[in-house]
């Protein structure tokens, strides 16, 4: 299994089983990376009050008020968090794009499924509290749920599409390749040598 393609590349298609296995692997990696970051900061004597990794943290880049601590006092922690978040974001988007390809959708759908809900979540508290914002909030919720449903549970297009062959069809084909006894066993007549009976074909 090519884990480099699974976790870092954006080409091709990924089925539902590969999608969930990759997410479980990413979750375990996030836990290990979080423990590593906390260990590094503790080893250098830094006081870590709170530290988390979240793909939504990328939207704090466009929000100047997101980081309220002094950059000079917490620069190592900030750089460490940015590097870890960038790595997790790259892997998450690579998985999501390949799953969208399986649904015969381009990566531009990330604008609707990931960018718009993420920006709304980041700035929701500072948006005006009016009835006009209710449709925007509902749209953000619906898009997030649609992304979860489509990428996690709906089957991809049957057969090859513009992004590659059907990954679930390849899995079904490999499962169907069992041991065919009729192709690997032959009946030898009693007059022949070696003695008659069932024998495994040469080269089988």
C-alpha atoms as a PDB file:
ATOM      1  CA  UNK A   1       0.000   0.000   0.000  1.00  0.00           C
ATOM      2  CA  UNK A   2       1.359   3.394  -1.033  1.00  0.00           C
ATOM      3  CA  UNK A   3       0.898   5.532   2.088  1.00  0.00           C
ATOM      4  CA  UNK A   4       2.628   8.462   0.377  1.00  0.00           C
ATOM      5  CA  UNK A   5      -0.196   8.588  -2.150  1.00  0.00           C
ATOM      6  CA  UNK A   6      -2.850   8.051   0.516  1.00  0.00           C
ATOM      7  CA  UNK A   7      -1.682  10.881   2.754  1.00  0.00           C
ATOM      8  CA  UNK A   8       0.122  13.454   0.612  1.00  0.00           C
ATOM      9  CA  UNK A   9      -0.940  13.319  -3.035  1.00  0.00           C
ATOM     10  CA  UNK A  10      -4.027  14.875  -4.605  1.00  0.00           C
ATOM     11  CA  UNK A  11      -4.387  12.751  -7.759  1.00  0.00           C
ATOM     12  CA  UNK A  12      -6.598   9.727  -8.259  1.00  0.00           C
ATOM     13  CA  UNK A  13      -9.640   8.421  -6.428  1.00  0.00           C
ATOM     14  CA  UNK A  14     -10.190   7.050  -2.931  1.00  0.00           C
ATOM     15  CA  UNK A  15     -13.050   4.802  -1.850  1.00  0.00           C
ATOM     16  CA  UNK A  16     -14.985   4.947   1.389  1.00  0.00           C
ATOM     17  CA  UNK A  17     -12.913   2.298   3.158  1.00  0.00           C
ATOM     18  CA  UNK A  18      -9.668   4.054   2.286  1.00  0.00           C
ATOM     19  CA  UNK A  19     -11.162   7.357   3.394  1.00  0.00           C
ATOM     20  CA  UNK A  20     -12.083   6.117   6.874  1.00  0.00           C
ATOM     21  CA  UNK A  21      -8.815   4.227   7.333  1.00  0.00           C
ATOM     22  CA  UNK A  22      -6.895   7.365   6.389  1.00  0.00           C
ATOM     23  CA  UNK A  23      -8.903   9.492   8.833  1.00  0.00           C
ATOM     24  CA  UNK A  24      -8.200   7.026  11.649  1.00  0.00           C
ATOM     25  CA  UNK A  25      -4.510   7.154  10.779  1.00  0.00           C
ATOM     26  CA  UNK A  26      -4.595  10.968  10.735  1.00  0.00           C
ATOM     27  CA  UNK A  27      -6.316  11.026  14.131  1.00  0.00           C
ATOM     28  CA  UNK A  28      -3.635   8.774  15.634  1.00  0.00           C
ATOM     29  CA  UNK A  29      -0.949  10.917  13.999  1.00  0.00           C
ATOM     30  CA  UNK A  30      -2.474  14.065  15.474  1.00  0.00           C
ATOM     31  CA  UNK A  31      -2.330  12.555  18.963  1.00  0.00           C
ATOM     32  CA  UNK A  32       1.334  11.556  18.525  1.00  0.00           C
ATOM     33  CA  UNK A  33       2.218  14.933  17.023  1.00  0.00           C
ATOM     34  CA  UNK A  34       0.433  16.737  19.839  1.00  0.00           C
ATOM     35  CA  UNK A  35       2.342  14.752  22.457  1.00  0.00           C
ATOM     36  CA  UNK A  36       5.595  15.431  20.597  1.00  0.00           C
ATOM     37  CA  UNK A  37       4.922  19.181  20.465  1.00  0.00           C
ATOM     38  CA  UNK A  38       4.043  19.309  24.158  1.00  0.00           C
ATOM     39  CA  UNK A  39       7.173  17.337  25.001  1.00  0.00           C
ATOM     40  CA  UNK A  40       9.398  19.662  22.976  1.00  0.00           C
ATOM     41  CA  UNK A  41       7.927  22.776  24.596  1.00  0.00           C
ATOM     42  CA  UNK A  42       8.256  21.274  28.075  1.00  0.00           C
ATOM     43  CA  UNK A  43      11.868  20.265  27.394  1.00  0.00           C
ATOM     44  CA  UNK A  44      12.772  23.850  26.471  1.00  0.00           C
ATOM     45  CA  UNK A  45      11.129  25.161  29.607  1.00  0.00           C
ATOM     46  CA  UNK A  46       8.158  26.739  27.906  1.00  0.00           C
ATOM     47  CA  UNK A  47       4.898  27.067  29.785  1.00  0.00           C
ATOM     48  CA  UNK A  48       2.135  25.501  27.720  1.00  0.00           C
ATOM     49  CA  UNK A  49      -1.295  26.446  28.994  1.00  0.00           C
ATOM     50  CA  UNK A  50      -3.240  25.222  25.982  1.00  0.00           C
ATOM     51  CA  UNK A  51      -2.179  23.616  22.723  1.00  0.00           C
ATOM     52  CA  UNK A  52      -4.339  21.883  20.143  1.00  0.00           C
ATOM     53  CA  UNK A  53      -4.226  20.894  16.506  1.00  0.00           C
ATOM     54  CA  UNK A  54      -7.213  21.596  14.318  1.00  0.00           C
ATOM     55  CA  UNK A  55      -7.600  21.995  10.573  1.00  0.00           C
ATOM     56  CA  UNK A  56      -9.843  24.998  11.238  1.00  0.00           C
ATOM     57  CA  UNK A  57      -6.853  26.853  12.703  1.00  0.00           C
ATOM     58  CA  UNK A  58      -5.821  27.724   9.161  1.00  0.00           C
ATOM     59  CA  UNK A  59      -8.579  30.344   9.106  1.00  0.00           C
ATOM     60  CA  UNK A  60      -6.888  32.190  11.963  1.00  0.00           C
ATOM     61  CA  UNK A  61      -4.322  33.333   9.419  1.00  0.00           C
ATOM     62  CA  UNK A  62      -6.857  35.807   8.011  1.00  0.00           C
ATOM     63  CA  UNK A  63      -7.996  36.861  11.492  1.00  0.00           C
ATOM     64  CA  UNK A  64      -5.537  39.314  13.124  1.00  0.00           C
ATOM     65  CA  UNK A  65      -7.206  38.976  16.537  1.00  0.00           C
ATOM     66  CA  UNK A  66      -6.918  35.194  16.678  1.00  0.00           C
ATOM     67  CA  UNK A  67      -3.532  35.151  18.450  1.00  0.00           C
ATOM     68  CA  UNK A  68      -3.666  37.381  21.500  1.00  0.00           C
ATOM     69  CA  UNK A  69      -0.291  36.497  22.992  1.00  0.00           C
ATOM     70  CA  UNK A  70       3.005  38.269  22.454  1.00  0.00           C
ATOM     71  CA  UNK A  71       4.810  36.940  19.391  1.00  0.00           C
ATOM     72  CA  UNK A  72       8.222  37.467  20.968  1.00  0.00           C
ATOM     73  CA  UNK A  73       7.378  35.514  24.119  1.00  0.00           C
ATOM     74  CA  UNK A  74       5.579  32.671  22.328  1.00  0.00           C
ATOM     75  CA  UNK A  75       7.276  32.593  18.932  1.00  0.00           C
ATOM     76  CA  UNK A  76       8.609  28.993  19.261  1.00  0.00           C
ATOM     77  CA  UNK A  77       5.166  27.743  20.267  1.00  0.00           C
ATOM     78  CA  UNK A  78       3.524  29.656  17.436  1.00  0.00           C
ATOM     79  CA  UNK A  79       5.963  28.328  14.814  1.00  0.00           C
ATOM     80  CA  UNK A  80       5.597  24.777  16.122  1.00  0.00           C
ATOM     81  CA  UNK A  81       1.823  24.986  15.991  1.00  0.00           C
ATOM     82  CA  UNK A  82       1.845  26.481  12.484  1.00  0.00           C
ATOM     83  CA  UNK A  83       4.113  23.712  11.190  1.00  0.00           C
ATOM     84  CA  UNK A  84       2.038  20.942  12.779  1.00  0.00           C
ATOM     85  CA  UNK A  85      -1.255  22.478  11.616  1.00  0.00           C
ATOM     86  CA  UNK A  86       0.077  22.863   8.061  1.00  0.00           C
ATOM     87  CA  UNK A  87       1.080  19.192   7.972  1.00  0.00           C
ATOM     88  CA  UNK A  88      -2.288  17.994   9.257  1.00  0.00           C
ATOM     89  CA  UNK A  89      -4.138  20.338   6.900  1.00  0.00           C
ATOM     90  CA  UNK A  90      -2.196  19.071   3.866  1.00  0.00           C
ATOM     91  CA  UNK A  91      -2.979  15.439   4.726  1.00  0.00           C
ATOM     92  CA  UNK A  92      -6.659  16.174   5.434  1.00  0.00           C
ATOM     93  CA  UNK A  93      -7.129  18.063   2.161  1.00  0.00           C
ATOM     94  CA  UNK A  94      -5.311  15.362   0.175  1.00  0.00           C
ATOM     95  CA  UNK A  95      -7.690  12.740   1.545  1.00  0.00           C
ATOM     96  CA  UNK A  96     -10.735  14.935   0.979  1.00  0.00           C
ATOM     97  CA  UNK A  97      -9.790  15.816  -2.608  1.00  0.00           C
ATOM     98  CA  UNK A  98      -9.302  12.173  -3.598  1.00  0.00           C
ATOM     99  CA  UNK A  99     -12.672  11.329  -2.072  1.00  0.00           C
ATOM    100  CA  UNK A 100     -14.311  14.142  -4.066  1.00  0.00           C
ATOM    101  CA  UNK A 101     -12.621  12.764  -7.178  1.00  0.00           C
ATOM    102  CA  UNK A 102     -14.260   9.439  -6.431  1.00  0.00           C
ATOM    103  CA  UNK A 103     -17.595  11.277  -6.496  1.00  0.00           C
ATOM    104  CA  UNK A 104     -16.570  12.806  -9.872  1.00  0.00           C
ATOM    105  CA  UNK A 105     -16.199  16.281  -8.354  1.00  0.00           C
ATOM    106  CA  UNK A 106     -13.219  18.598  -8.671  1.00  0.00           C
ATOM    107  CA  UNK A 107     -11.232  20.090  -5.809  1.00  0.00           C
ATOM    108  CA  UNK A 108     -13.121  23.390  -6.276  1.00  0.00           C
ATOM    109  CA  UNK A 109     -15.869  21.877  -4.132  1.00  0.00           C
ATOM    110  CA  UNK A 110     -13.571  22.499  -1.164  1.00  0.00           C
ATOM    111  CA  UNK A 111     -14.644  26.142  -1.358  1.00  0.00           C
ATOM    112  CA  UNK A 112     -18.205  25.132  -0.492  1.00  0.00           C
ATOM    113  CA  UNK A 113     -17.434  22.202   1.801  1.00  0.00           C
ATOM    114  CA  UNK A 114     -14.420  23.518   3.727  1.00  0.00           C
ATOM    115  CA  UNK A 115     -13.550  27.187   3.137  1.00  0.00           C
ATOM    116  CA  UNK A 116     -16.965  28.844   3.491  1.00  0.00           C
ATOM    117  CA  UNK A 117     -18.028  26.966   6.677  1.00  0.00           C
ATOM    118  CA  UNK A 118     -14.563  27.494   8.154  1.00  0.00           C
ATOM    119  CA  UNK A 119     -14.604  31.248   7.558  1.00  0.00           C
ATOM    120  CA  UNK A 120     -18.115  31.537   8.983  1.00  0.00           C
ATOM    121  CA  UNK A 121     -17.094  29.605  12.107  1.00  0.00           C
ATOM    122  CA  UNK A 122     -14.045  31.828  12.600  1.00  0.00           C
ATOM    123  CA  UNK A 123     -15.937  35.129  12.306  1.00  0.00           C
ATOM    124  CA  UNK A 124     -19.381  34.054  13.596  1.00  0.00           C
ATOM    125  CA  UNK A 125     -19.067  35.897  16.910  1.00  0.00           C
ATOM    126  CA  UNK A 126     -18.240  39.189  15.188  1.00  0.00           C
ATOM    127  CA  UNK A 127     -20.916  39.080  12.497  1.00  0.00           C
ATOM    128  CA  UNK A 128     -23.985  41.284  13.005  1.00  0.00           C
ATOM    129  CA  UNK A 129     -26.735  39.678  15.057  1.00  0.00           C
ATOM    130  CA  UNK A 130     -29.567  40.053  12.539  1.00  0.00           C
ATOM    131  CA  UNK A 131     -32.107  37.832  10.834  1.00  0.00           C
ATOM    132  CA  UNK A 132     -30.137  38.180   7.606  1.00  0.00           C
ATOM    133  CA  UNK A 133     -27.406  35.978   9.068  1.00  0.00           C
ATOM    134  CA  UNK A 134     -29.734  33.030   9.721  1.00  0.00           C
ATOM    135  CA  UNK A 135     -29.594  31.756   6.092  1.00  0.00           C
ATOM    136  CA  UNK A 136     -25.804  32.059   6.147  1.00  0.00           C
ATOM    137  CA  UNK A 137     -25.588  30.049   9.381  1.00  0.00           C
ATOM    138  CA  UNK A 138     -27.954  27.391   8.034  1.00  0.00           C
ATOM    139  CA  UNK A 139     -25.996  27.182   4.788  1.00  0.00           C
ATOM    140  CA  UNK A 140     -22.787  26.632   6.758  1.00  0.00           C
ATOM    141  CA  UNK A 141     -24.381  23.806   8.736  1.00  0.00           C
ATOM    142  CA  UNK A 142     -25.911  22.204   5.632  1.00  0.00           C
ATOM    143  CA  UNK A 143     -22.622  22.362   3.698  1.00  0.00           C
ATOM    144  CA  UNK A 144     -20.705  20.789   6.582  1.00  0.00           C
ATOM    145  CA  UNK A 145     -23.249  17.970   6.894  1.00  0.00           C
ATOM    146  CA  UNK A 146     -23.316  17.461   3.103  1.00  0.00           C
ATOM    147  CA  UNK A 147     -19.522  17.151   3.041  1.00  0.00           C
ATOM    148  CA  UNK A 148     -19.592  14.593   5.861  1.00  0.00           C
ATOM    149  CA  UNK A 149     -22.345  12.591   4.165  1.00  0.00           C
ATOM    150  CA  UNK A 150     -20.908  12.660   0.670  1.00  0.00           C
ATOM    151  CA  UNK A 151     -17.291  11.936   1.488  1.00  0.00           C
ATOM    152  CA  UNK A 152     -17.939   9.441   4.261  1.00  0.00           C
ATOM    153  CA  UNK A 153     -20.926   7.385   3.164  1.00  0.00           C
ATOM    154  CA  UNK A 154     -21.892   7.809  -0.494  1.00  0.00           C
ATOM    155  CA  UNK A 155     -20.387   5.478  -3.069  1.00  0.00           C
ATOM    156  CA  UNK A 156     -18.248   6.922  -5.807  1.00  0.00           C
ATOM    157  CA  UNK A 157     -19.159   6.781  -9.465  1.00  0.00           C
ATOM    158  CA  UNK A 158     -19.266   3.228 -10.778  1.00  0.00           C
ATOM    159  CA  UNK A 159     -16.564   2.525 -13.278  1.00  0.00           C
ATOM    160  CA  UNK A 160     -13.793   4.878 -14.339  1.00  0.00           C
ATOM    161  CA  UNK A 161     -14.345   8.627 -14.420  1.00  0.00           C
ATOM    162  CA  UNK A 162     -12.182  11.601 -15.426  1.00  0.00           C
ATOM    163  CA  UNK A 163     -10.018  11.178 -12.306  1.00  0.00           C
ATOM    164  CA  UNK A 164      -9.177   7.487 -12.637  1.00  0.00           C
ATOM    165  CA  UNK A 165     -10.486   3.924 -12.252  1.00  0.00           C
ATOM    166  CA  UNK A 166     -13.070   2.866  -9.706  1.00  0.00           C
ATOM    167  CA  UNK A 167     -11.214   1.912  -6.455  1.00  0.00           C
ATOM    168  CA  UNK A 168     -14.112  -0.167  -5.105  1.00  0.00           C
ATOM    169  CA  UNK A 169     -14.314  -2.138  -8.361  1.00  0.00           C
ATOM    170  CA  UNK A 170     -10.619  -2.978  -8.026  1.00  0.00           C
ATOM    171  CA  UNK A 171     -11.176  -4.223  -4.465  1.00  0.00           C
ATOM    172  CA  UNK A 172     -14.120  -6.392  -5.577  1.00  0.00           C
ATOM    173  CA  UNK A 173     -12.029  -7.816  -8.438  1.00  0.00           C
ATOM    174  CA  UNK A 174      -9.177  -8.728  -6.102  1.00  0.00           C
ATOM    175  CA  UNK A 175     -11.585 -10.388  -3.676  1.00  0.00           C
ATOM    176  CA  UNK A 176     -13.010 -12.486  -6.493  1.00  0.00           C
ATOM    177  CA  UNK A 177      -9.615 -13.852  -7.479  1.00  0.00           C
ATOM    178  CA  UNK A 178      -9.747 -17.018  -5.383  1.00  0.00           C
ATOM    179  CA  UNK A 179      -8.183 -20.431  -6.008  1.00  0.00           C
ATOM    180  CA  UNK A 180      -9.663 -21.960  -9.125  1.00  0.00           C
ATOM    181  CA  UNK A 181      -9.191 -25.723  -8.662  1.00  0.00           C
ATOM    182  CA  UNK A 182     -10.273 -26.546 -12.214  1.00  0.00           C
ATOM    183  CA  UNK A 183      -7.336 -24.536 -13.601  1.00  0.00           C
ATOM    184  CA  UNK A 184      -4.685 -25.923 -11.284  1.00  0.00           C
ATOM    185  CA  UNK A 185      -5.626 -29.622 -11.098  1.00  0.00           C
ATOM    186  CA  UNK A 186      -5.645 -32.077 -13.967  1.00  0.00           C
ATOM    187  CA  UNK A 187      -6.698 -35.718 -14.196  1.00  0.00           C
ATOM    188  CA  UNK A 188      -3.965 -38.015 -15.505  1.00  0.00           C
ATOM    189  CA  UNK A 189      -5.021 -41.260 -17.286  1.00  0.00           C
ATOM    190  CA  UNK A 190      -4.013 -44.505 -15.501  1.00  0.00           C
ATOM    191  CA  UNK A 191      -1.767 -45.553 -18.427  1.00  0.00           C
ATOM    192  CA  UNK A 192       0.372 -42.453 -18.188  1.00  0.00           C
ATOM    193  CA  UNK A 193       3.401 -41.907 -16.029  1.00  0.00           C
ATOM    194  CA  UNK A 194       3.253 -40.777 -13.232  1.00  0.00           C
ATOM    195  CA  UNK A 195       0.419 -42.963 -11.969  1.00  0.00           C
ATOM    196  CA  UNK A 196      -3.125 -41.793 -12.705  1.00  0.00           C
ATOM    197  CA  UNK A 197      -5.191 -39.633 -10.400  1.00  0.00           C
ATOM    198  CA  UNK A 198      -5.349 -35.962  -9.522  1.00  0.00           C
ATOM    199  CA  UNK A 199      -2.150 -33.958  -9.874  1.00  0.00           C
ATOM    200  CA  UNK A 200      -1.332 -30.280  -9.570  1.00  0.00           C
ATOM    201  CA  UNK A 201      -0.398 -28.800 -12.919  1.00  0.00           C
ATOM    202  CA  UNK A 202       3.192 -27.887 -13.462  1.00  0.00           C
ATOM    203  CA  UNK A 203       3.738 -24.160 -13.000  1.00  0.00           C
ATOM    204  CA  UNK A 204       0.438 -23.717 -11.071  1.00  0.00           C
END
